[in-house]
Amino acid sequence: MSENLKTIKELADELGVSKQTIRNKIDKDFREKFVQTIKIKGNNTLVINNAGYSLLKKTLQNDTAQTAKTLQNDTAQTAKTLQNDTAQTKLICFLEEQLDKKEQQLSVKDKQLENKDTQISQMQNLLDQQQRLALQDKKLLEEYKSEIKELKSLKIPTQDTKEEQANSQPQEELETLKEQIRALNDKIKGQEQANNQSSKKWYQFWK
């Protein structure tokens, strides 16, 4: 083939592209200016002159440069997107960690409140129990006082009439009556002391 004319295959081989790429660049205007049809081995074959070859080479070089630039821009954009995605992922992880911490803190607070409610309920039960015991003690004291009053209302012989009543009321009965009065007095004192101790314990509990 003449050095001034090259087939599409020869151009494709020299420029390192496919024949289809060369054909895509040959439009109507290019064909009219730079393309001829000659017979090679009895077949009509398209050939391109040197001017067309130079134009195609320049066009392909520009395309390659543009493609490289586009690829570079795409790569940079992809890298930027990855960086943004990484930063966003880190932010999401951080927020999730903070959320977990807050949930744990809330769980601890709920447990503390539950314990407080239990303590308050126990204190209320103790207070109710103490009030019931106080009422019972008061009732017992009233009964003891009533019994003492009844015993005191009984006619106890005086020293002057002891000798006169010696025959009608034995000395043993008198001593028994006195002993009952002393026992009731001791019982009342013991109950009052128990009440005082219980009140002190309750006061210490609420301090």
C-alpha atoms as a PDB file:
ATOM      1  CA  MET A   1       0.000   0.000   0.000  1.00  0.00           C
ATOM      2  CA  SER A   2       1.232   3.500  -0.794  1.00  0.00           C
ATOM      3  CA  GLU A   3       2.670   5.489   2.114  1.00  0.00           C
ATOM      4  CA  ASN A   4       0.223   8.283   1.243  1.00  0.00           C
ATOM      5  CA  LEU A   5      -2.783   5.982   1.494  1.00  0.00           C
ATOM      6  CA  LYS A   6      -3.687   3.590   4.323  1.00  0.00           C
ATOM      7  CA  THR A   7      -6.539   1.195   4.782  1.00  0.00           C
ATOM      8  CA  ILE A   8      -8.749   1.287   7.833  1.00  0.00           C
ATOM      9  CA  LYS A   9      -7.035  -1.832   9.204  1.00  0.00           C
ATOM     10  CA  GLU A  10      -3.594  -0.294   8.792  1.00  0.00           C
ATOM     11  CA  LEU A  11      -4.711   2.876  10.565  1.00  0.00           C
ATOM     12  CA  ALA A  12      -6.270   0.881  13.376  1.00  0.00           C
ATOM     13  CA  ASP A  13      -3.082  -1.131  13.873  1.00  0.00           C
ATOM     14  CA  GLU A  14      -0.850   1.943  13.891  1.00  0.00           C
ATOM     15  CA  LEU A  15      -3.053   3.956  16.196  1.00  0.00           C
ATOM     16  CA  GLY A  16      -3.774   1.019  18.511  1.00  0.00           C
ATOM     17  CA  VAL A  17      -7.539   1.129  18.181  1.00  0.00           C
ATOM     18  CA  SER A  18     -10.199  -1.084  16.656  1.00  0.00           C
ATOM     19  CA  LYS A  19     -11.403  -0.779  13.057  1.00  0.00           C
ATOM     20  CA  GLN A  20     -14.850   0.121  14.395  1.00  0.00           C
ATOM     21  CA  THR A  21     -13.335   3.108  16.189  1.00  0.00           C
ATOM     22  CA  ILE A  22     -11.845   4.328  12.896  1.00  0.00           C
ATOM     23  CA  ARG A  23     -15.167   3.816  11.080  1.00  0.00           C
ATOM     24  CA  ASN A  24     -16.998   5.787  13.800  1.00  0.00           C
ATOM     25  CA  LYS A  25     -14.733   8.763  13.106  1.00  0.00           C
ATOM     26  CA  ILE A  26     -15.331   8.747   9.351  1.00  0.00           C
ATOM     27  CA  ASP A  27     -18.380  10.913   8.808  1.00  0.00           C
ATOM     28  CA  LYS A  28     -19.684  12.250   5.473  1.00  0.00           C
ATOM     29  CA  ASP A  29     -17.531  15.384   5.525  1.00  0.00           C
ATOM     30  CA  PHE A  30     -14.388  13.407   6.408  1.00  0.00           C
ATOM     31  CA  ARG A  31     -15.145  10.860   3.667  1.00  0.00           C
ATOM     32  CA  GLU A  32     -15.459  13.534   1.039  1.00  0.00           C
ATOM     33  CA  LYS A  33     -12.131  15.161   1.973  1.00  0.00           C
ATOM     34  CA  PHE A  34      -9.855  12.302   2.967  1.00  0.00           C
ATOM     35  CA  VAL A  35     -11.275   8.950   1.812  1.00  0.00           C
ATOM     36  CA  GLN A  36     -10.885   7.227  -1.565  1.00  0.00           C
ATOM     37  CA  THR A  37     -12.056   3.927  -2.923  1.00  0.00           C
ATOM     38  CA  ILE A  38      -9.545   1.767  -4.795  1.00  0.00           C
ATOM     39  CA  LYS A  39      -9.407  -1.818  -5.958  1.00  0.00           C
ATOM     40  CA  ILE A  40      -7.200  -4.139  -3.972  1.00  0.00           C
ATOM     41  CA  LYS A  41      -7.089  -7.732  -5.144  1.00  0.00           C
ATOM     42  CA  GLY A  42     -10.199  -7.096  -7.144  1.00  0.00           C
ATOM     43  CA  ASN A  43     -12.167  -5.685  -4.201  1.00  0.00           C
ATOM     44  CA  ASN A  44     -13.212  -2.095  -3.625  1.00  0.00           C
ATOM     45  CA  THR A  45     -11.367  -0.896  -0.504  1.00  0.00           C
ATOM     46  CA  LEU A  46     -11.563   2.362   1.410  1.00  0.00           C
ATOM     47  CA  VAL A  47      -8.252   4.111   1.917  1.00  0.00           C
ATOM     48  CA  ILE A  48      -7.380   7.281   3.800  1.00  0.00           C
ATOM     49  CA  ASN A  49      -4.733   9.774   2.715  1.00  0.00           C
ATOM     50  CA  ASN A  50      -2.054  11.324   4.944  1.00  0.00           C
ATOM     51  CA  ALA A  51      -4.104  14.395   5.788  1.00  0.00           C
ATOM     52  CA  GLY A  52      -6.938  12.206   6.945  1.00  0.00           C
ATOM     53  CA  TYR A  53      -4.514   9.999   8.851  1.00  0.00           C
ATOM     54  CA  SER A  54      -3.108  13.050  10.710  1.00  0.00           C
ATOM     55  CA  LEU A  55      -6.580  14.323  11.508  1.00  0.00           C
ATOM     56  CA  LEU A  56      -7.690  10.923  12.785  1.00  0.00           C
ATOM     57  CA  LYS A  57      -4.558  10.570  14.891  1.00  0.00           C
ATOM     58  CA  LYS A  58      -5.058  14.002  16.435  1.00  0.00           C
ATOM     59  CA  THR A  59      -8.735  13.331  17.056  1.00  0.00           C
ATOM     60  CA  LEU A  60      -8.019  10.001  18.736  1.00  0.00           C
ATOM     61  CA  GLN A  61      -5.290  11.563  20.878  1.00  0.00           C
ATOM     62  CA  ASN A  62      -7.725  14.248  22.014  1.00  0.00           C
ATOM     63  CA  ASP A  63     -10.301  11.592  22.728  1.00  0.00           C
ATOM     64  CA  THR A  64      -7.755   9.625  24.728  1.00  0.00           C
ATOM     65  CA  ALA A  65      -6.768  12.708  26.710  1.00  0.00           C
ATOM     66  CA  GLN A  66     -10.412  13.570  27.304  1.00  0.00           C
ATOM     67  CA  THR A  67     -11.109  10.018  28.347  1.00  0.00           C
ATOM     68  CA  ALA A  68      -8.150  10.086  30.729  1.00  0.00           C
ATOM     69  CA  LYS A  69      -9.321  13.385  32.178  1.00  0.00           C
ATOM     70  CA  THR A  70     -12.845  12.076  32.568  1.00  0.00           C
ATOM     71  CA  LEU A  71     -11.497   8.963  34.210  1.00  0.00           C
ATOM     72  CA  GLN A  72      -9.373  11.063  36.548  1.00  0.00           C
ATOM     73  CA  ASN A  73     -12.368  13.205  37.458  1.00  0.00           C
ATOM     74  CA  ASP A  74     -14.473  10.117  38.003  1.00  0.00           C
ATOM     75  CA  THR A  75     -11.756   8.619  40.176  1.00  0.00           C
ATOM     76  CA  ALA A  76     -11.462  11.805  42.219  1.00  0.00           C
ATOM     77  CA  GLN A  77     -15.234  12.000  42.594  1.00  0.00           C
ATOM     78  CA  THR A  78     -15.363   8.357  43.612  1.00  0.00           C
ATOM     79  CA  ALA A  79     -12.631   8.923  46.200  1.00  0.00           C
ATOM     80  CA  LYS A  80     -14.464  11.957  47.537  1.00  0.00           C
ATOM     81  CA  THR A  81     -17.685   9.986  47.714  1.00  0.00           C
ATOM     82  CA  LEU A  82     -15.910   7.204  49.576  1.00  0.00           C
ATOM     83  CA  GLN A  83     -14.458   9.722  52.014  1.00  0.00           C
ATOM     84  CA  ASN A  84     -17.882  11.218  52.584  1.00  0.00           C
ATOM     85  CA  ASP A  85     -19.366   7.756  53.029  1.00  0.00           C
ATOM     86  CA  THR A  86     -16.594   6.868  55.505  1.00  0.00           C
ATOM     87  CA  ALA A  87     -17.133  10.065  57.474  1.00  0.00           C
ATOM     88  CA  GLN A  88     -20.876   9.473  57.470  1.00  0.00           C
ATOM     89  CA  THR A  89     -20.365   5.884  58.616  1.00  0.00           C
ATOM     90  CA  LYS A  90     -18.133   7.051  61.471  1.00  0.00           C
ATOM     91  CA  LEU A  91     -20.714   9.642  62.463  1.00  0.00           C
ATOM     92  CA  ILE A  92     -23.467   7.024  62.446  1.00  0.00           C
ATOM     93  CA  CYS A  93     -21.335   4.692  64.586  1.00  0.00           C
ATOM     94  CA  PHE A  94     -20.614   7.519  67.025  1.00  0.00           C
ATOM     95  CA  LEU A  95     -24.294   8.437  67.292  1.00  0.00           C
ATOM     96  CA  GLU A  96     -25.238   4.791  67.808  1.00  0.00           C
ATOM     97  CA  GLU A  97     -22.673   4.502  70.615  1.00  0.00           C
ATOM     98  CA  GLN A  98     -24.059   7.645  72.258  1.00  0.00           C
ATOM     99  CA  LEU A  99     -27.578   6.260  71.937  1.00  0.00           C
ATOM    100  CA  ASP A 100     -26.530   2.982  73.574  1.00  0.00           C
ATOM    101  CA  LYS A 101     -24.928   4.906  76.460  1.00  0.00           C
ATOM    102  CA  LYS A 102     -28.071   6.981  76.939  1.00  0.00           C
ATOM    103  CA  GLU A 103     -30.213   3.835  76.949  1.00  0.00           C
ATOM    104  CA  GLN A 104     -27.930   2.260  79.575  1.00  0.00           C
ATOM    105  CA  GLN A 105     -28.126   5.401  81.720  1.00  0.00           C
ATOM    106  CA  LEU A 106     -31.921   5.418  81.448  1.00  0.00           C
ATOM    107  CA  SER A 107     -31.995   1.750  82.432  1.00  0.00           C
ATOM    108  CA  VAL A 108     -29.924   2.504  85.553  1.00  0.00           C
ATOM    109  CA  LYS A 109     -32.212   5.437  86.419  1.00  0.00           C
ATOM    110  CA  ASP A 110     -35.293   3.249  86.016  1.00  0.00           C
ATOM    111  CA  LYS A 111     -33.789   0.633  88.322  1.00  0.00           C
ATOM    112  CA  GLN A 112     -32.933   3.292  90.913  1.00  0.00           C
ATOM    113  CA  LEU A 113     -36.477   4.648  90.788  1.00  0.00           C
ATOM    114  CA  GLU A 114     -37.842   1.147  91.159  1.00  0.00           C
ATOM    115  CA  ASN A 115     -35.650   0.597  94.244  1.00  0.00           C
ATOM    116  CA  LYS A 116     -36.805   3.927  95.673  1.00  0.00           C
ATOM    117  CA  ASP A 117     -40.436   2.932  95.159  1.00  0.00           C
ATOM    118  CA  THR A 118     -39.773  -0.353  96.952  1.00  0.00           C
ATOM    119  CA  GLN A 119     -38.116   1.432  99.870  1.00  0.00           C
ATOM    120  CA  ILE A 120     -40.981   3.901 100.142  1.00  0.00           C
ATOM    121  CA  SER A 121     -43.480   1.040 100.116  1.00  0.00           C
ATOM    122  CA  GLN A 122     -41.537  -0.754 102.866  1.00  0.00           C
ATOM    123  CA  MET A 123     -41.387   2.419 104.951  1.00  0.00           C
ATOM    124  CA  GLN A 124     -45.122   2.928 104.503  1.00  0.00           C
ATOM    125  CA  ASN A 125     -45.763  -0.637 105.639  1.00  0.00           C
ATOM    126  CA  LEU A 126     -43.565  -0.101 108.704  1.00  0.00           C
ATOM    127  CA  LEU A 127     -45.383   3.129 109.494  1.00  0.00           C
ATOM    128  CA  ASP A 128     -48.768   1.419 109.215  1.00  0.00           C
ATOM    129  CA  GLN A 129     -47.546  -1.417 111.419  1.00  0.00           C
ATOM    130  CA  GLN A 130     -46.211   1.036 114.001  1.00  0.00           C
ATOM    131  CA  GLN A 131     -49.517   2.886 114.055  1.00  0.00           C
ATOM    132  CA  ARG A 132     -51.423  -0.359 114.562  1.00  0.00           C
ATOM    133  CA  LEU A 133     -49.080  -1.359 117.407  1.00  0.00           C
ATOM    134  CA  ALA A 134     -49.479   2.066 118.994  1.00  0.00           C
ATOM    135  CA  LEU A 135     -53.258   1.712 118.890  1.00  0.00           C
ATOM    136  CA  GLN A 136     -53.041  -1.753 120.389  1.00  0.00           C
ATOM    137  CA  ASP A 137     -50.735  -0.501 123.160  1.00  0.00           C
ATOM    138  CA  LYS A 138     -53.072   2.378 123.873  1.00  0.00           C
ATOM    139  CA  LYS A 139     -55.999   0.003 124.109  1.00  0.00           C
ATOM    140  CA  LEU A 140     -54.081  -2.282 126.470  1.00  0.00           C
ATOM    141  CA  LEU A 141     -53.098   0.641 128.662  1.00  0.00           C
ATOM    142  CA  GLU A 142     -56.703   1.765 128.838  1.00  0.00           C
ATOM    143  CA  GLU A 143     -57.737  -1.737 129.858  1.00  0.00           C
ATOM    144  CA  TYR A 144     -55.004  -1.886 132.504  1.00  0.00           C
ATOM    145  CA  LYS A 145     -56.006   1.494 133.878  1.00  0.00           C
ATOM    146  CA  SER A 146     -59.634   0.428 133.954  1.00  0.00           C
ATOM    147  CA  GLU A 147     -58.723  -2.713 135.880  1.00  0.00           C
ATOM    148  CA  ILE A 148     -56.644  -0.702 138.372  1.00  0.00           C
ATOM    149  CA  LYS A 149     -59.484   1.756 138.787  1.00  0.00           C
ATOM    150  CA  GLU A 150     -61.871  -1.065 139.501  1.00  0.00           C
ATOM    151  CA  LEU A 151     -59.457  -2.573 141.996  1.00  0.00           C
ATOM    152  CA  LYS A 152     -58.936   0.749 143.711  1.00  0.00           C
ATOM    153  CA  SER A 153     -62.669   1.300 143.874  1.00  0.00           C
ATOM    154  CA  LEU A 154     -62.913  -1.766 146.067  1.00  0.00           C
ATOM    155  CA  LYS A 155     -63.109  -0.923 149.712  1.00  0.00           C
ATOM    156  CA  ILE A 156     -59.682  -1.570 151.242  1.00  0.00           C
ATOM    157  CA  PRO A 157     -59.712  -1.693 155.022  1.00  0.00           C
ATOM    158  CA  THR A 158     -57.765   1.055 156.785  1.00  0.00           C
ATOM    159  CA  GLN A 159     -55.291   0.516 159.589  1.00  0.00           C
ATOM    160  CA  ASP A 160     -57.856   1.601 162.137  1.00  0.00           C
ATOM    161  CA  THR A 161     -60.425  -0.950 161.089  1.00  0.00           C
ATOM    162  CA  LYS A 162     -58.054  -3.866 160.504  1.00  0.00           C
ATOM    163  CA  GLU A 163     -58.499  -5.230 163.947  1.00  0.00           C
ATOM    164  CA  GLU A 164     -62.259  -4.799 163.764  1.00  0.00           C
ATOM    165  CA  GLN A 165     -62.485  -6.677 160.443  1.00  0.00           C
ATOM    166  CA  ALA A 166     -59.887  -9.302 161.297  1.00  0.00           C
ATOM    167  CA  ASN A 167     -62.568 -11.815 161.933  1.00  0.00           C
ATOM    168  CA  SER A 168     -64.605 -10.985 158.771  1.00  0.00           C
ATOM    169  CA  GLN A 169     -61.772 -10.572 156.183  1.00  0.00           C
ATOM    170  CA  PRO A 170     -58.599 -12.685 156.420  1.00  0.00           C
ATOM    171  CA  GLN A 171     -55.206 -11.054 156.136  1.00  0.00           C
ATOM    172  CA  GLU A 172     -54.305 -13.285 153.175  1.00  0.00           C
ATOM    173  CA  GLU A 173     -57.077 -11.857 150.994  1.00  0.00           C
ATOM    174  CA  LEU A 174     -55.821  -8.357 151.684  1.00  0.00           C
ATOM    175  CA  GLU A 175     -52.265  -9.227 150.739  1.00  0.00           C
ATOM    176  CA  THR A 176     -53.487 -10.904 147.554  1.00  0.00           C
ATOM    177  CA  LEU A 177     -55.360  -7.772 146.554  1.00  0.00           C
ATOM    178  CA  LYS A 178     -52.286  -5.628 147.160  1.00  0.00           C
ATOM    179  CA  GLU A 179     -50.174  -8.022 145.112  1.00  0.00           C
ATOM    180  CA  GLN A 180     -52.603  -7.766 142.168  1.00  0.00           C
ATOM    181  CA  ILE A 181     -52.421  -3.985 142.281  1.00  0.00           C
ATOM    182  CA  ARG A 182     -48.599  -4.056 142.302  1.00  0.00           C
ATOM    183  CA  ALA A 183     -48.564  -6.533 139.393  1.00  0.00           C
ATOM    184  CA  LEU A 184     -50.854  -4.333 137.344  1.00  0.00           C
ATOM    185  CA  ASN A 185     -48.727  -1.272 138.084  1.00  0.00           C
ATOM    186  CA  ASP A 186     -45.579  -3.150 137.032  1.00  0.00           C
ATOM    187  CA  LYS A 187     -47.305  -4.315 133.879  1.00  0.00           C
ATOM    188  CA  ILE A 188     -48.306  -0.758 132.976  1.00  0.00           C
ATOM    189  CA  LYS A 189     -44.764   0.520 133.573  1.00  0.00           C
ATOM    190  CA  GLY A 190     -43.323  -2.270 131.425  1.00  0.00           C
ATOM    191  CA  GLN A 191     -45.754  -1.495 128.626  1.00  0.00           C
ATOM    192  CA  GLU A 192     -44.911   2.229 128.782  1.00  0.00           C
ATOM    193  CA  GLN A 193     -41.189   1.449 128.610  1.00  0.00           C
ATOM    194  CA  ALA A 194     -41.766  -0.807 125.597  1.00  0.00           C
ATOM    195  CA  ASN A 195     -43.715   1.979 123.894  1.00  0.00           C
ATOM    196  CA  ASN A 196     -40.937   4.477 124.542  1.00  0.00           C
ATOM    197  CA  GLN A 197     -38.315   2.116 123.095  1.00  0.00           C
ATOM    198  CA  SER A 198     -40.479   1.464 120.031  1.00  0.00           C
ATOM    199  CA  SER A 199     -40.928   5.220 119.477  1.00  0.00           C
ATOM    200  CA  LYS A 200     -37.146   5.746 119.715  1.00  0.00           C
ATOM    201  CA  LYS A 201     -36.515   3.004 117.151  1.00  0.00           C
ATOM    202  CA  TRP A 202     -39.050   4.502 114.776  1.00  0.00           C
ATOM    203  CA  TYR A 203     -37.478   7.970 115.205  1.00  0.00           C
ATOM    204  CA  GLN A 204     -34.016   6.543 114.435  1.00  0.00           C
ATOM    205  CA  PHE A 205     -35.387   4.814 111.340  1.00  0.00           C
ATOM    206  CA  TRP A 206     -36.685   8.089 109.853  1.00  0.00           C
ATOM    207  CA  LYS A 207     -33.611  10.184 110.716  1.00  0.00           C
END
